[in-house]
Amino acid sequence: MKDVTAVTTPANPGVGVNAYSSFDVFGSYDINKQWRIRAGVTNAGNHGPVLVSSSQTSTDPSVFDVVGRSYQVGVHVTL
């Protein structure tokens, strides 16, 4: 990971990071009126978090995904 925290000029501090994007895929399918299945992938590209040197944990987990790729599967049943 590259540390992208930078001060642009001493007279005009501009601390920050470059743009950050992740790609998530989710979908669901109604089997019938009673059953629905759903599945998804979060952070499909498995991009790591942006390094922020001013943070104690080297990143900000409230903003950046620190887990990496994750999968979800679920079933919804209407009784």
Protein backbone atom coordinates (compact mmCIF):
# COMPACT_ATOMS: atom_id res chain seq x y z
CA MET A 1 0.00 0.00 0.00
CA LYS A 2 1.17 3.48 -0.79
CA ASP A 3 0.77 6.25 1.79
CA VAL A 4 -1.27 8.87 -0.04
CA THR A 5 -1.50 11.29 2.89
CA ALA A 6 0.23 14.45 1.75
CA VAL A 7 0.50 18.15 2.43
CA THR A 8 0.43 19.93 -0.92
CA THR A 9 2.16 23.16 0.16
CA PRO A 10 3.17 24.47 3.59
CA ALA A 11 1.03 27.60 3.10
CA ASN A 12 -2.02 25.59 2.06
CA PRO A 13 -2.18 22.24 3.85
CA GLY A 14 -4.38 19.76 2.03
CA VAL A 15 -4.24 16.48 3.90
CA GLY A 16 -6.26 13.73 2.28
CA VAL A 17 -6.32 10.61 0.18
CA ASN A 18 -7.01 9.88 -3.47
CA ALA A 19 -10.42 8.72 -4.64
CA TYR A 20 -11.42 5.24 -3.45
CA SER A 21 -13.86 2.93 -5.23
CA SER A 22 -15.03 -0.60 -4.63
CA PHE A 23 -17.39 -2.80 -6.62
CA ASP A 24 -20.23 -4.63 -4.86
CA VAL A 25 -22.62 -7.12 -6.50
CA PHE A 26 -25.97 -8.11 -4.99
CA GLY A 27 -29.02 -9.89 -6.31
CA SER A 28 -32.17 -11.71 -5.28
CA TYR A 29 -34.53 -14.20 -6.87
CA ASP A 30 -38.16 -14.88 -5.97
CA ILE A 31 -38.67 -18.64 -6.15
CA ASN A 32 -42.39 -18.19 -5.49
CA LYS A 33 -44.64 -15.93 -3.36
CA GLN A 34 -43.25 -17.45 -0.17
CA TRP A 35 -39.52 -17.98 -0.82
CA ARG A 36 -36.81 -15.51 -1.87
CA ILE A 37 -33.07 -16.17 -2.02
CA ARG A 38 -30.41 -13.46 -2.07
CA ALA A 39 -26.65 -13.36 -2.49
CA GLY A 40 -23.92 -10.79 -2.79
CA VAL A 41 -20.24 -10.00 -2.90
CA THR A 42 -18.84 -6.91 -1.17
CA ASN A 43 -15.56 -5.48 -2.49
CA ALA A 44 -15.50 -7.90 -5.44
CA GLY A 45 -12.09 -6.60 -6.56
CA ASN A 46 -10.66 -7.31 -3.08
CA HIS A 47 -8.96 -3.89 -2.86
CA GLY A 48 -7.16 -3.16 0.39
CA PRO A 49 -7.84 -0.07 2.49
CA VAL A 50 -6.15 3.25 1.83
CA LEU A 51 -3.20 3.91 4.15
CA VAL A 52 -3.62 7.06 6.23
CA SER A 53 -0.51 7.75 8.29
CA SER A 54 -2.27 10.19 10.63
CA SER A 55 -4.49 7.36 11.96
CA GLN A 56 -3.51 5.03 14.82
CA THR A 57 -4.59 1.99 12.80
CA SER A 58 -2.98 3.19 9.50
CA THR A 59 -6.45 3.57 7.98
CA ASP A 60 -9.95 4.71 8.96
CA PRO A 61 -12.17 1.62 9.34
CA SER A 62 -15.29 3.80 9.57
CA VAL A 63 -14.66 4.95 5.97
CA PHE A 64 -12.56 2.25 4.27
CA ASP A 65 -13.20 -1.49 3.97
CA VAL A 66 -10.61 -3.27 6.12
CA VAL A 67 -12.05 -6.79 5.68
CA GLY A 68 -11.54 -7.24 1.95
CA ARG A 69 -13.86 -9.36 -0.18
CA SER A 70 -16.84 -10.88 1.65
CA TYR A 71 -19.83 -12.97 0.62
CA GLN A 72 -23.44 -12.98 1.79
CA VAL A 73 -26.19 -15.53 1.19
CA GLY A 74 -29.69 -15.46 2.64
CA VAL A 75 -33.18 -16.87 2.42
CA HIS A 76 -36.39 -14.97 3.13
CA VAL A 77 -39.55 -16.93 3.91
CA THR A 78 -42.98 -15.32 4.23
CA LEU A 79 -45.36 -17.32 6.40
